[in-house]
Amino acid sequence: MKPFERLGEARTPEGTLLEFFRHDGSYLIRAGGIELMSTRRHLSEDRLAEVACAPLKGKPNARVLIGGLGLGFTMRAALKELDADAEVVVAELMAEVIAWNSNPDYDISVAAIADPRVLIAHDDVTNVLRANPKGFDAIMLDTDNGPDGILMSENARLYAARGVRTTIDALRPEGVIAYWSVGDDPKFVGALMTAGLKVETLRVRAHNTMRAKHTIYLARR
């Protein structure tokens, strides 16, 4: 068995340990010892961007927000869907995660970050939402493992009632919010509906060759 090569680590503001590994040609990030994301399993992250951004093709000056850079898959998938005049804002709290993606030695997201449509915001996504009232045509939130799979406590507020309201306030009238989740969370769906949103639940594969599925919630006014 090929060994895991530990390439870096970081601590979130509330103390969760993030670790960055390379294994058999792939990269992964663990939070508190649990795999958070991997370059081998990213189909659902791609799908998150596809369902949120495909309707924006042909829309002049579309502007979207991605909460959480991860290993860059949602960002790269969004760029494939959007026109040349779009803007993709990516909010990432951890400077180390931005550095890992930007490092040419790993070549994970170097080209995508250099795309003129991309703006990397080293900030909490909640702050970016608050600073942009009615600012986005699509908001894609892939922080942590979703509302019922929180590994980093600082992310919990994004899925609470006040966080949902903050997200809605940053949405343009015909916009969509897409939430990624490791699994189904009926309680969270109820919270979105209570906030006045219509919700569509999609079950998507984590990888083409795997039975495991993740959940995407598409929410609109």
Protein backbone atom coordinates (compact mmCIF):
# COMPACT_ATOMS: atom_id res chain seq x y z
CA MET A 1 0.00 0.00 0.00
CA LYS A 2 1.35 3.40 -0.96
CA PRO A 3 1.90 5.74 2.00
CA PHE A 4 0.07 8.99 2.68
CA GLU A 5 2.45 11.94 2.35
CA ARG A 6 1.53 14.76 4.72
CA LEU A 7 2.16 18.05 2.90
CA GLY A 8 0.79 20.64 5.30
CA GLU A 9 -1.54 21.51 8.13
CA ALA A 10 -3.59 24.43 9.43
CA ARG A 11 -5.76 25.28 12.42
CA THR A 12 -9.19 26.84 12.00
CA PRO A 13 -10.05 29.81 14.26
CA GLU A 14 -11.81 27.45 16.68
CA GLY A 15 -8.99 24.92 16.67
CA THR A 16 -9.92 22.18 14.21
CA LEU A 17 -6.85 20.61 12.60
CA LEU A 18 -6.81 20.56 8.80
CA GLU A 19 -4.26 18.26 7.17
CA PHE A 20 -3.26 18.17 3.51
CA PHE A 21 -2.06 14.85 2.05
CA ARG A 22 -0.86 13.34 -1.20
CA HIS A 23 -1.58 9.65 -1.81
CA ASP A 24 -0.91 7.65 -4.96
CA GLY A 25 -1.12 10.74 -7.18
CA SER A 26 -4.23 12.22 -5.55
CA TYR A 27 -4.67 14.93 -2.92
CA LEU A 28 -7.00 15.09 0.06
CA ILE A 29 -7.82 17.29 3.03
CA ARG A 30 -8.83 15.93 6.41
CA ALA A 31 -10.56 17.89 9.18
CA GLY A 32 -10.10 16.49 12.67
CA GLY A 33 -8.83 13.25 11.10
CA ILE A 34 -11.91 12.79 8.87
CA GLU A 35 -11.63 13.10 5.10
CA LEU A 36 -13.26 16.32 4.00
CA MET A 37 -12.48 16.23 0.27
CA SER A 38 -10.37 14.38 -2.27
CA THR A 39 -9.28 14.79 -5.87
CA ARG A 40 -10.51 11.22 -6.46
CA ARG A 41 -14.11 11.89 -5.42
CA HIS A 42 -15.46 15.18 -6.68
CA LEU A 43 -18.38 14.46 -8.99
CA SER A 44 -20.91 15.96 -6.59
CA GLU A 45 -18.81 19.12 -6.19
CA ASP A 46 -18.78 19.47 -9.97
CA ARG A 47 -22.53 18.93 -10.08
CA LEU A 48 -23.06 21.65 -7.46
CA ALA A 49 -21.69 24.24 -9.87
CA GLU A 50 -23.37 22.76 -12.94
CA VAL A 51 -26.91 22.93 -11.54
CA ALA A 52 -26.38 26.43 -10.15
CA CYS A 53 -24.54 27.99 -13.09
CA ALA A 54 -25.91 26.31 -16.22
CA PRO A 55 -29.02 28.58 -16.21
CA LEU A 56 -26.70 31.62 -16.26
CA LYS A 57 -25.25 30.88 -19.69
CA GLY A 58 -25.91 33.90 -21.86
CA LYS A 59 -26.71 36.14 -18.89
CA PRO A 60 -24.61 39.33 -19.12
CA ASN A 61 -22.26 39.98 -16.21
CA ALA A 62 -23.42 37.03 -14.13
CA ARG A 63 -21.95 37.04 -10.65
CA VAL A 64 -21.69 33.97 -8.45
CA LEU A 65 -20.29 33.15 -5.02
CA ILE A 66 -18.70 29.89 -3.91
CA GLY A 67 -18.40 29.37 -0.18
CA GLY A 68 -15.34 27.21 0.43
CA LEU A 69 -12.45 26.70 -2.01
CA GLY A 70 -11.77 23.11 -1.00
CA LEU A 71 -9.68 21.55 -3.77
CA GLY A 72 -11.17 23.88 -6.38
CA PHE A 73 -13.57 21.52 -8.15
CA THR A 74 -16.70 23.66 -7.75
CA MET A 75 -14.77 26.73 -8.91
CA ARG A 76 -13.45 24.97 -12.02
CA ALA A 77 -16.86 23.53 -12.87
CA ALA A 78 -18.44 26.99 -12.53
CA LEU A 79 -15.91 28.48 -14.92
CA LYS A 80 -16.86 25.88 -17.55
CA GLU A 81 -20.51 26.92 -17.33
CA LEU A 82 -20.15 30.70 -17.23
CA ASP A 83 -19.50 33.26 -19.96
CA ALA A 84 -16.38 35.36 -20.35
CA ASP A 85 -17.90 38.42 -18.64
CA ALA A 86 -18.93 36.55 -15.47
CA GLU A 87 -17.37 36.95 -12.03
CA VAL A 88 -16.73 34.00 -9.70
CA VAL A 89 -16.08 35.05 -6.11
CA VAL A 90 -14.62 32.28 -3.95
CA ALA A 91 -14.66 32.86 -0.20
CA GLU A 92 -12.11 30.80 1.73
CA LEU A 93 -11.40 31.33 5.42
CA MET A 94 -8.09 29.46 5.54
CA ALA A 95 -5.01 31.04 3.93
CA GLU A 96 -3.33 27.64 3.88
CA VAL A 97 -6.08 26.16 1.71
CA ILE A 98 -5.62 29.01 -0.77
CA ALA A 99 -1.85 28.41 -0.73
CA TRP A 100 -2.24 24.65 -1.36
CA ASN A 101 -4.46 25.33 -4.36
CA SER A 102 -2.10 28.00 -5.68
CA ASN A 103 1.11 25.99 -5.36
CA PRO A 104 2.43 25.02 -8.82
CA ASP A 105 4.17 22.01 -7.28
CA TYR A 106 0.71 20.48 -6.69
CA ASP A 107 -1.03 22.05 -9.72
CA ILE A 108 -4.49 21.67 -8.21
CA SER A 109 -6.13 25.01 -9.06
CA VAL A 110 -3.31 27.21 -10.33
CA ALA A 111 -4.81 27.84 -13.77
CA ALA A 112 -8.34 28.41 -12.46
CA ILE A 113 -7.21 30.92 -9.84
CA ALA A 114 -5.39 32.82 -12.59
CA ASP A 115 -8.60 33.05 -14.66
CA PRO A 116 -9.56 36.76 -14.88
CA ARG A 117 -13.12 35.89 -13.88
CA VAL A 118 -12.00 34.59 -10.47
CA LEU A 119 -11.73 36.63 -7.29
CA ILE A 120 -10.42 34.75 -4.25
CA ALA A 121 -11.67 36.37 -1.03
CA HIS A 122 -9.62 35.32 2.01
CA ASP A 123 -12.54 35.76 4.39
CA ASP A 124 -15.41 34.03 6.13
CA VAL A 125 -18.16 33.49 3.56
CA THR A 126 -20.67 35.06 5.98
CA ASN A 127 -18.73 38.33 5.81
CA VAL A 128 -18.76 38.20 2.01
CA LEU A 129 -22.51 37.58 2.00
CA ARG A 130 -23.15 40.51 4.33
CA ALA A 131 -20.98 42.81 2.21
CA ASN A 132 -22.93 42.00 -0.98
CA PRO A 133 -26.68 42.56 -0.53
CA LYS A 134 -28.50 41.36 -3.68
CA GLY A 135 -25.07 40.75 -5.13
CA PHE A 136 -25.16 37.26 -6.64
CA ASP A 137 -27.09 35.34 -9.28
CA ALA A 138 -26.02 32.04 -7.72
CA ILE A 139 -24.58 31.14 -4.34
CA MET A 140 -22.93 27.73 -3.91
CA LEU A 141 -22.16 26.67 -0.36
CA ASP A 142 -19.82 23.75 0.15
CA THR A 143 -18.40 24.49 3.57
CA ASP A 144 -17.67 21.52 5.80
CA ASN A 145 -19.76 18.37 5.19
CA GLY A 146 -23.08 20.18 5.02
CA PRO A 147 -25.69 21.17 7.60
CA ASP A 148 -25.86 17.76 9.29
CA GLY A 149 -22.17 16.87 8.97
CA ILE A 150 -20.40 19.77 10.66
CA LEU A 151 -16.75 19.01 11.40
CA MET A 152 -15.67 22.62 12.02
CA SER A 153 -17.91 24.42 14.50
CA GLU A 154 -17.29 27.85 12.95
CA ASN A 155 -19.34 26.74 9.93
CA ALA A 156 -22.50 25.92 11.89
CA ARG A 157 -23.84 29.48 11.87
CA LEU A 158 -24.09 29.46 8.08
CA TYR A 159 -26.82 26.80 8.30
CA ALA A 160 -28.69 28.34 11.23
CA ALA A 161 -31.75 30.52 10.63
CA ARG A 162 -29.80 33.77 10.74
CA GLY A 163 -27.19 32.38 8.31
CA VAL A 164 -29.91 31.33 5.87
CA ARG A 165 -31.42 34.80 6.03
CA THR A 166 -28.00 36.39 5.41
CA THR A 167 -27.58 34.17 2.35
CA ILE A 168 -31.03 35.03 0.99
CA ASP A 169 -30.29 38.74 1.40
CA ALA A 170 -27.19 38.36 -0.83
CA LEU A 171 -29.23 36.76 -3.63
CA ARG A 172 -30.54 38.60 -6.67
CA PRO A 173 -34.33 38.28 -7.28
CA GLU A 174 -34.17 35.34 -9.73
CA GLY A 175 -31.11 33.75 -8.15
CA VAL A 176 -30.51 30.31 -6.69
CA ILE A 177 -28.75 28.98 -3.61
CA ALA A 178 -27.12 25.55 -3.93
CA TYR A 179 -26.11 23.75 -0.73
CA TRP A 180 -23.84 20.67 -0.81
CA SER A 181 -24.37 18.05 1.90
CA VAL A 182 -22.80 14.70 2.60
CA GLY A 183 -26.31 13.29 3.19
CA ASP A 184 -30.01 14.11 3.50
CA ASP A 185 -31.12 16.53 6.20
CA PRO A 186 -34.94 16.93 6.30
CA LYS A 187 -34.67 19.34 9.24
CA PHE A 188 -32.53 21.70 7.18
CA VAL A 189 -34.97 21.48 4.27
CA GLY A 190 -37.69 22.52 6.69
CA ALA A 191 -35.60 25.48 7.83
CA LEU A 192 -35.13 26.62 4.24
CA MET A 193 -38.86 26.38 3.57
CA THR A 194 -39.61 28.29 6.77
CA ALA A 195 -37.34 31.04 5.45
CA GLY A 196 -39.59 31.32 2.38
CA LEU A 197 -37.60 29.22 -0.08
CA LYS A 198 -38.71 26.54 -2.52
CA VAL A 199 -36.35 23.59 -2.25
CA GLU A 200 -35.41 20.88 -4.74
CA THR A 201 -33.38 17.93 -3.44
CA LEU A 202 -30.91 16.21 -5.77
CA ARG A 203 -29.07 12.98 -4.99
CA VAL A 204 -25.82 12.81 -6.94
CA ARG A 205 -22.98 10.33 -7.07
CA ALA A 206 -19.74 11.11 -5.28
CA HIS A 207 -17.83 9.38 -8.10
CA ASN A 208 -18.82 7.74 -11.37
CA THR A 209 -17.77 4.30 -10.15
CA MET A 210 -19.18 4.55 -6.60
CA ARG A 211 -22.65 3.87 -5.27
CA ALA A 212 -22.23 6.47 -2.54
CA LYS A 213 -24.33 9.57 -3.11
CA HIS A 214 -24.28 13.10 -1.78
CA THR A 215 -27.11 15.64 -1.59
CA ILE A 216 -27.54 19.02 -3.24
CA TYR A 217 -30.33 21.36 -2.14
CA LEU A 218 -31.40 23.94 -4.73
CA ALA A 219 -33.28 26.79 -3.06
CA ARG A 220 -35.13 29.68 -4.68
CA ARG A 221 -37.49 32.37 -3.46
